[in-house]
């Protein structure tokens, strides 16, 4: 199935509200679990001087989980959608404000050097971010500028199905009881996503082939490594 682009930023209030209200806890927890496992694998421990950056953080689901799991680590979520960050801020409890914050930053602007971000991350994570980029090289270029040397990477995204029919089947299987607006957006995201093979080539082209990409299940792939 040929890739069909969707808007790079989710800014329509009804879409943002539906996304913020949806239960993505299974996928969100898997990102955190992957980070835990990788840290253990490489024998690395996060400390109070470390910064974890959640790229295209949306309503802050994963940033919140990381901040709770490592309460002594600084966590920053960045996104180019003010509507998404408003949702994230609404959920931000007082107990998390000391180690979690959000910044309105358009990631394409980092990639093209239109803006300079005055911090670099020890850990970079993202979930369902890559497929939003019309030019995926911008995601990888921003990633290289945002991470310190030896930065740990955990990136997760949808896999584009082989056909429109398969995409429809996956949508109905996983979101059968969801609001129609969320089902429509999920279907668009499936069509805008990449295959594992495409992402593997993107990493080679970006000079990031030391990162490992692999399929997790019928929905997701993960990119893990340290650069």
C-alpha atoms as a PDB file:
ATOM      1  CA  UNK A   1       0.000   0.000   0.000  1.00  0.00           C
ATOM      2  CA  UNK A   2       1.351   3.425  -0.961  1.00  0.00           C
ATOM      3  CA  UNK A   3       1.933   5.859   1.887  1.00  0.00           C
ATOM      4  CA  UNK A   4      -0.703   8.589   2.230  1.00  0.00           C
ATOM      5  CA  UNK A   5       0.323  11.656   4.218  1.00  0.00           C
ATOM      6  CA  UNK A   6      -1.698  13.044   7.097  1.00  0.00           C
ATOM      7  CA  UNK A   7      -1.319  16.447   8.826  1.00  0.00           C
ATOM      8  CA  UNK A   8       1.978  16.788  10.663  1.00  0.00           C
ATOM      9  CA  UNK A   9       0.350  18.387  13.703  1.00  0.00           C
ATOM     10  CA  UNK A  10      -2.926  17.444  15.365  1.00  0.00           C
ATOM     11  CA  UNK A  11      -4.562  20.779  16.143  1.00  0.00           C
ATOM     12  CA  UNK A  12      -8.301  20.362  15.545  1.00  0.00           C
ATOM     13  CA  UNK A  13      -9.848  20.511  19.055  1.00  0.00           C
ATOM     14  CA  UNK A  14     -12.232  17.584  18.510  1.00  0.00           C
ATOM     15  CA  UNK A  15      -9.390  15.363  17.285  1.00  0.00           C
ATOM     16  CA  UNK A  16      -7.117  16.391  20.135  1.00  0.00           C
ATOM     17  CA  UNK A  17      -9.838  15.752  22.702  1.00  0.00           C
ATOM     18  CA  UNK A  18     -10.595  12.296  21.284  1.00  0.00           C
ATOM     19  CA  UNK A  19      -6.907  11.385  21.268  1.00  0.00           C
ATOM     20  CA  UNK A  20      -6.366  12.678  24.805  1.00  0.00           C
ATOM     21  CA  UNK A  21      -9.371  10.715  26.080  1.00  0.00           C
ATOM     22  CA  UNK A  22      -8.379   7.446  24.380  1.00  0.00           C
ATOM     23  CA  UNK A  23      -6.845   4.575  26.308  1.00  0.00           C
ATOM     24  CA  UNK A  24      -3.365   3.978  24.919  1.00  0.00           C
ATOM     25  CA  UNK A  25      -2.072   2.600  28.207  1.00  0.00           C
ATOM     26  CA  UNK A  26      -0.875  -0.689  26.712  1.00  0.00           C
ATOM     27  CA  UNK A  27       1.267   0.983  24.069  1.00  0.00           C
ATOM     28  CA  UNK A  28       2.416   3.739  26.420  1.00  0.00           C
ATOM     29  CA  UNK A  29       3.531   1.266  29.064  1.00  0.00           C
ATOM     30  CA  UNK A  30       5.460  -0.712  26.466  1.00  0.00           C
ATOM     31  CA  UNK A  31       7.633   2.306  25.685  1.00  0.00           C
ATOM     32  CA  UNK A  32       8.509   2.649  29.373  1.00  0.00           C
ATOM     33  CA  UNK A  33       9.077  -1.102  29.698  1.00  0.00           C
ATOM     34  CA  UNK A  34      11.406  -1.036  26.699  1.00  0.00           C
ATOM     35  CA  UNK A  35      13.402   1.769  28.298  1.00  0.00           C
ATOM     36  CA  UNK A  36      13.674  -0.151  31.570  1.00  0.00           C
ATOM     37  CA  UNK A  37      14.829  -3.305  29.794  1.00  0.00           C
ATOM     38  CA  UNK A  38      17.375  -1.472  27.669  1.00  0.00           C
ATOM     39  CA  UNK A  39      18.854   0.356  30.660  1.00  0.00           C
ATOM     40  CA  UNK A  40      19.259  -2.972  32.419  1.00  0.00           C
ATOM     41  CA  UNK A  41      20.735  -4.580  29.297  1.00  0.00           C
ATOM     42  CA  UNK A  42      23.470  -1.941  28.924  1.00  0.00           C
ATOM     43  CA  UNK A  43      24.030  -1.589  32.663  1.00  0.00           C
ATOM     44  CA  UNK A  44      23.107   2.054  32.786  1.00  0.00           C
ATOM     45  CA  UNK A  45      21.334   3.861  35.616  1.00  0.00           C
ATOM     46  CA  UNK A  46      19.540   7.187  35.255  1.00  0.00           C
ATOM     47  CA  UNK A  47      20.458   9.875  37.785  1.00  0.00           C
ATOM     48  CA  UNK A  48      19.212  13.292  38.854  1.00  0.00           C
ATOM     49  CA  UNK A  49      21.359  15.074  36.283  1.00  0.00           C
ATOM     50  CA  UNK A  50      19.863  13.170  33.347  1.00  0.00           C
ATOM     51  CA  UNK A  51      17.285  14.594  30.953  1.00  0.00           C
ATOM     52  CA  UNK A  52      14.664  12.447  29.269  1.00  0.00           C
ATOM     53  CA  UNK A  53      13.044  14.105  26.260  1.00  0.00           C
ATOM     54  CA  UNK A  54       9.729  12.919  24.821  1.00  0.00           C
ATOM     55  CA  UNK A  55       9.576  14.013  21.163  1.00  0.00           C
ATOM     56  CA  UNK A  56       6.098  14.894  19.865  1.00  0.00           C
ATOM     57  CA  UNK A  57       4.726  14.128  23.313  1.00  0.00           C
ATOM     58  CA  UNK A  58       1.060  14.821  22.512  1.00  0.00           C
ATOM     59  CA  UNK A  59      -1.085  14.879  25.684  1.00  0.00           C
ATOM     60  CA  UNK A  60       1.883  13.728  27.767  1.00  0.00           C
ATOM     61  CA  UNK A  61       0.925  10.116  28.438  1.00  0.00           C
ATOM     62  CA  UNK A  62       4.443   8.704  28.152  1.00  0.00           C
ATOM     63  CA  UNK A  63       6.207  11.731  29.659  1.00  0.00           C
ATOM     64  CA  UNK A  64       4.004  11.314  32.747  1.00  0.00           C
ATOM     65  CA  UNK A  65       4.795   7.609  33.040  1.00  0.00           C
ATOM     66  CA  UNK A  66       8.524   8.262  32.794  1.00  0.00           C
ATOM     67  CA  UNK A  67       8.366  11.096  35.342  1.00  0.00           C
ATOM     68  CA  UNK A  68       6.539   8.823  37.791  1.00  0.00           C
ATOM     69  CA  UNK A  69       8.870   5.893  37.189  1.00  0.00           C
ATOM     70  CA  UNK A  70      12.044   8.007  37.597  1.00  0.00           C
ATOM     71  CA  UNK A  71      10.931  10.860  39.913  1.00  0.00           C
ATOM     72  CA  UNK A  72      14.509  12.126  40.334  1.00  0.00           C
ATOM     73  CA  UNK A  73      15.082  12.569  36.567  1.00  0.00           C
ATOM     74  CA  UNK A  74      14.197  15.690  34.582  1.00  0.00           C
ATOM     75  CA  UNK A  75      11.569  14.937  31.922  1.00  0.00           C
ATOM     76  CA  UNK A  76      10.572  17.364  29.166  1.00  0.00           C
ATOM     77  CA  UNK A  77       7.860  16.768  26.590  1.00  0.00           C
ATOM     78  CA  UNK A  78       7.994  18.778  23.358  1.00  0.00           C
ATOM     79  CA  UNK A  79       5.290  19.149  20.723  1.00  0.00           C
ATOM     80  CA  UNK A  80       4.382  21.607  17.985  1.00  0.00           C
ATOM     81  CA  UNK A  81       0.666  21.562  18.813  1.00  0.00           C
ATOM     82  CA  UNK A  82      -0.458  24.029  21.479  1.00  0.00           C
ATOM     83  CA  UNK A  83      -3.760  22.142  21.724  1.00  0.00           C
ATOM     84  CA  UNK A  84      -1.949  18.924  22.612  1.00  0.00           C
ATOM     85  CA  UNK A  85       0.210  20.651  25.188  1.00  0.00           C
ATOM     86  CA  UNK A  86      -2.860  22.253  26.741  1.00  0.00           C
ATOM     87  CA  UNK A  87      -4.226  18.749  27.296  1.00  0.00           C
ATOM     88  CA  UNK A  88      -0.898  17.658  28.772  1.00  0.00           C
ATOM     89  CA  UNK A  89      -0.813  20.636  31.135  1.00  0.00           C
ATOM     90  CA  UNK A  90      -4.371  19.938  32.331  1.00  0.00           C
ATOM     91  CA  UNK A  91      -3.305  16.500  33.538  1.00  0.00           C
ATOM     92  CA  UNK A  92      -0.076  17.667  35.150  1.00  0.00           C
ATOM     93  CA  UNK A  93      -0.449  17.056  38.875  1.00  0.00           C
ATOM     94  CA  UNK A  94       1.479  18.998  41.503  1.00  0.00           C
ATOM     95  CA  UNK A  95       3.435  15.875  42.385  1.00  0.00           C
ATOM     96  CA  UNK A  96       4.978  15.853  38.899  1.00  0.00           C
ATOM     97  CA  UNK A  97       5.682  19.543  38.347  1.00  0.00           C
ATOM     98  CA  UNK A  98       9.098  19.311  39.990  1.00  0.00           C
ATOM     99  CA  UNK A  99      10.476  16.904  37.362  1.00  0.00           C
ATOM    100  CA  UNK A 100       8.122  17.174  34.353  1.00  0.00           C
ATOM    101  CA  UNK A 101       7.545  20.132  32.045  1.00  0.00           C
ATOM    102  CA  UNK A 102       6.362  20.791  28.496  1.00  0.00           C
ATOM    103  CA  UNK A 103       7.718  23.016  25.738  1.00  0.00           C
ATOM    104  CA  UNK A 104       5.987  24.215  22.574  1.00  0.00           C
ATOM    105  CA  UNK A 105       8.619  23.347  19.968  1.00  0.00           C
ATOM    106  CA  UNK A 106       8.010  22.444  16.329  1.00  0.00           C
ATOM    107  CA  UNK A 107      10.400  19.580  15.606  1.00  0.00           C
ATOM    108  CA  UNK A 108      10.822  20.449  11.925  1.00  0.00           C
ATOM    109  CA  UNK A 109      12.255  23.777  13.052  1.00  0.00           C
ATOM    110  CA  UNK A 110      14.946  21.953  15.015  1.00  0.00           C
ATOM    111  CA  UNK A 111      15.832  19.836  11.993  1.00  0.00           C
ATOM    112  CA  UNK A 112      16.188  22.868   9.723  1.00  0.00           C
ATOM    113  CA  UNK A 113      18.063  24.891  12.376  1.00  0.00           C
ATOM    114  CA  UNK A 114      15.362  27.583  12.416  1.00  0.00           C
ATOM    115  CA  UNK A 115      15.467  27.318  16.185  1.00  0.00           C
ATOM    116  CA  UNK A 116      18.137  26.188  18.613  1.00  0.00           C
ATOM    117  CA  UNK A 117      17.093  24.135  21.627  1.00  0.00           C
ATOM    118  CA  UNK A 118      19.290  24.998  24.626  1.00  0.00           C
ATOM    119  CA  UNK A 119      19.362  21.486  26.042  1.00  0.00           C
ATOM    120  CA  UNK A 120      20.411  17.998  25.018  1.00  0.00           C
ATOM    121  CA  UNK A 121      18.905  14.742  26.203  1.00  0.00           C
ATOM    122  CA  UNK A 122      20.445  11.677  27.805  1.00  0.00           C
ATOM    123  CA  UNK A 123      17.384   9.679  26.710  1.00  0.00           C
ATOM    124  CA  UNK A 124      15.135  10.363  23.716  1.00  0.00           C
ATOM    125  CA  UNK A 125      11.777   8.635  23.361  1.00  0.00           C
ATOM    126  CA  UNK A 126       8.845   8.958  20.985  1.00  0.00           C
ATOM    127  CA  UNK A 127       5.628   7.127  20.303  1.00  0.00           C
ATOM    128  CA  UNK A 128       3.676   7.347  17.043  1.00  0.00           C
ATOM    129  CA  UNK A 129       5.657  10.425  16.028  1.00  0.00           C
ATOM    130  CA  UNK A 130       7.649   9.431  12.945  1.00  0.00           C
ATOM    131  CA  UNK A 131       4.649   8.761  10.696  1.00  0.00           C
ATOM    132  CA  UNK A 132       3.435  12.356  11.096  1.00  0.00           C
ATOM    133  CA  UNK A 133       6.500  13.741   9.327  1.00  0.00           C
ATOM    134  CA  UNK A 134       6.010  14.371   5.623  1.00  0.00           C
ATOM    135  CA  UNK A 135       9.797  14.277   5.322  1.00  0.00           C
ATOM    136  CA  UNK A 136      11.053  11.663   7.806  1.00  0.00           C
ATOM    137  CA  UNK A 137      14.622  12.933   7.428  1.00  0.00           C
ATOM    138  CA  UNK A 138      13.517  15.912   9.546  1.00  0.00           C
ATOM    139  CA  UNK A 139      12.683  13.576  12.418  1.00  0.00           C
ATOM    140  CA  UNK A 140      16.114  11.963  12.255  1.00  0.00           C
ATOM    141  CA  UNK A 141      17.940  15.279  11.867  1.00  0.00           C
ATOM    142  CA  UNK A 142      16.151  16.715  14.899  1.00  0.00           C
ATOM    143  CA  UNK A 143      16.890  13.559  16.845  1.00  0.00           C
ATOM    144  CA  UNK A 144      20.614  13.919  16.187  1.00  0.00           C
ATOM    145  CA  UNK A 145      20.567  17.540  17.360  1.00  0.00           C
ATOM    146  CA  UNK A 146      18.583  16.809  20.522  1.00  0.00           C
ATOM    147  CA  UNK A 147      20.634  13.929  21.899  1.00  0.00           C
ATOM    148  CA  UNK A 148      23.932  13.971  23.764  1.00  0.00           C
ATOM    149  CA  UNK A 149      26.722  11.575  22.841  1.00  0.00           C
ATOM    150  CA  UNK A 150      25.760   8.092  24.106  1.00  0.00           C
ATOM    151  CA  UNK A 151      22.092   9.130  24.123  1.00  0.00           C
ATOM    152  CA  UNK A 152      19.668   6.232  24.573  1.00  0.00           C
ATOM    153  CA  UNK A 153      16.858   6.001  22.027  1.00  0.00           C
ATOM    154  CA  UNK A 154      13.469   4.305  22.309  1.00  0.00           C
ATOM    155  CA  UNK A 155      11.133   5.111  19.417  1.00  0.00           C
ATOM    156  CA  UNK A 156       7.895   3.305  18.658  1.00  0.00           C
ATOM    157  CA  UNK A 157       5.476   3.719  15.761  1.00  0.00           C
ATOM    158  CA  UNK A 158       2.791   2.058  13.687  1.00  0.00           C
ATOM    159  CA  UNK A 159       3.586  -0.231  10.773  1.00  0.00           C
ATOM    160  CA  UNK A 160       1.903   0.536   7.466  1.00  0.00           C
ATOM    161  CA  UNK A 161      -0.253  -2.451   6.433  1.00  0.00           C
ATOM    162  CA  UNK A 162       0.166  -4.130   3.064  1.00  0.00           C
ATOM    163  CA  UNK A 163      -3.213  -2.977   1.755  1.00  0.00           C
ATOM    164  CA  UNK A 164      -6.122  -0.639   2.430  1.00  0.00           C
ATOM    165  CA  UNK A 165      -8.222  -3.679   3.234  1.00  0.00           C
ATOM    166  CA  UNK A 166      -5.732  -4.827   5.867  1.00  0.00           C
ATOM    167  CA  UNK A 167      -5.635  -1.333   7.356  1.00  0.00           C
ATOM    168  CA  UNK A 168      -9.428  -1.357   7.650  1.00  0.00           C
ATOM    169  CA  UNK A 169      -9.302  -4.803   9.251  1.00  0.00           C
ATOM    170  CA  UNK A 170      -6.731  -3.636  11.828  1.00  0.00           C
ATOM    171  CA  UNK A 171      -8.768  -0.532  12.605  1.00  0.00           C
ATOM    172  CA  UNK A 172     -11.897  -2.560  13.291  1.00  0.00           C
ATOM    173  CA  UNK A 173      -9.980  -5.134  15.318  1.00  0.00           C
ATOM    174  CA  UNK A 174      -8.311  -2.673  17.666  1.00  0.00           C
ATOM    175  CA  UNK A 175     -10.729   0.267  17.791  1.00  0.00           C
ATOM    176  CA  UNK A 176     -14.115  -1.340  17.239  1.00  0.00           C
ATOM    177  CA  UNK A 177     -15.662   0.390  20.279  1.00  0.00           C
ATOM    178  CA  UNK A 178     -13.904   3.735  19.873  1.00  0.00           C
ATOM    179  CA  UNK A 179     -15.454   7.039  18.719  1.00  0.00           C
ATOM    180  CA  UNK A 180     -15.633   7.433  14.954  1.00  0.00           C
ATOM    181  CA  UNK A 181     -13.303  10.434  14.966  1.00  0.00           C
ATOM    182  CA  UNK A 182     -10.602   8.365  16.667  1.00  0.00           C
ATOM    183  CA  UNK A 183     -11.123   5.450  14.279  1.00  0.00           C
ATOM    184  CA  UNK A 184     -10.814   7.806  11.315  1.00  0.00           C
ATOM    185  CA  UNK A 185      -7.570   9.287  12.658  1.00  0.00           C
ATOM    186  CA  UNK A 186      -6.146   5.841  13.435  1.00  0.00           C
ATOM    187  CA  UNK A 187      -6.904   4.669   9.911  1.00  0.00           C
ATOM    188  CA  UNK A 188      -5.185   7.779   8.511  1.00  0.00           C
ATOM    189  CA  UNK A 189      -2.164   7.090  10.717  1.00  0.00           C
ATOM    190  CA  UNK A 190      -1.904   3.514   9.473  1.00  0.00           C
ATOM    191  CA  UNK A 191      -1.869   4.819   5.911  1.00  0.00           C
ATOM    192  CA  UNK A 192       0.755   7.446   6.757  1.00  0.00           C
ATOM    193  CA  UNK A 193       3.080   5.038   8.544  1.00  0.00           C
ATOM    194  CA  UNK A 194       6.223   3.291   7.314  1.00  0.00           C
ATOM    195  CA  UNK A 195       7.262  -0.312   6.911  1.00  0.00           C
ATOM    196  CA  UNK A 196      10.134  -1.772   8.914  1.00  0.00           C
ATOM    197  CA  UNK A 197      12.168  -1.960   5.703  1.00  0.00           C
ATOM    198  CA  UNK A 198      11.586   1.720   4.968  1.00  0.00           C
ATOM    199  CA  UNK A 199      12.638   2.743   8.463  1.00  0.00           C
ATOM    200  CA  UNK A 200      15.748   0.567   8.242  1.00  0.00           C
ATOM    201  CA  UNK A 201      16.751   2.438   5.068  1.00  0.00           C
ATOM    202  CA  UNK A 202      15.960   5.800   6.677  1.00  0.00           C
ATOM    203  CA  UNK A 203      18.361   4.973   9.512  1.00  0.00           C
ATOM    204  CA  UNK A 204      21.089   4.070   7.034  1.00  0.00           C
ATOM    205  CA  UNK A 205      20.523   7.288   5.077  1.00  0.00           C
ATOM    206  CA  UNK A 206      20.611   9.348   8.284  1.00  0.00           C
ATOM    207  CA  UNK A 207      23.844   7.731   9.479  1.00  0.00           C
ATOM    208  CA  UNK A 208      22.021   6.062  12.371  1.00  0.00           C
ATOM    209  CA  UNK A 209      22.357   2.424  11.364  1.00  0.00           C
ATOM    210  CA  UNK A 210      23.653   1.564  14.841  1.00  0.00           C
ATOM    211  CA  UNK A 211      20.055   1.866  16.032  1.00  0.00           C
ATOM    212  CA  UNK A 212      18.109  -1.401  15.815  1.00  0.00           C
ATOM    213  CA  UNK A 213      14.614  -1.516  14.309  1.00  0.00           C
ATOM    214  CA  UNK A 214      12.364  -4.531  14.707  1.00  0.00           C
ATOM    215  CA  UNK A 215       8.693  -5.454  14.488  1.00  0.00           C
ATOM    216  CA  UNK A 216       6.972  -5.879  17.859  1.00  0.00           C
ATOM    217  CA  UNK A 217       3.545  -7.105  16.699  1.00  0.00           C
ATOM    218  CA  UNK A 218       1.118  -6.504  13.844  1.00  0.00           C
ATOM    219  CA  UNK A 219       0.738  -2.861  14.861  1.00  0.00           C
ATOM    220  CA  UNK A 220       4.120  -1.580  15.976  1.00  0.00           C
ATOM    221  CA  UNK A 221       7.838  -1.515  15.376  1.00  0.00           C
ATOM    222  CA  UNK A 222      10.461  -0.246  17.799  1.00  0.00           C
ATOM    223  CA  UNK A 223      13.781   1.492  17.313  1.00  0.00           C
ATOM    224  CA  UNK A 224      16.237   0.992  20.149  1.00  0.00           C
ATOM    225  CA  UNK A 225      19.876   1.802  20.707  1.00  0.00           C
ATOM    226  CA  UNK A 226      22.535   4.214  21.900  1.00  0.00           C
ATOM    227  CA  UNK A 227      24.368   6.744  19.715  1.00  0.00           C
END
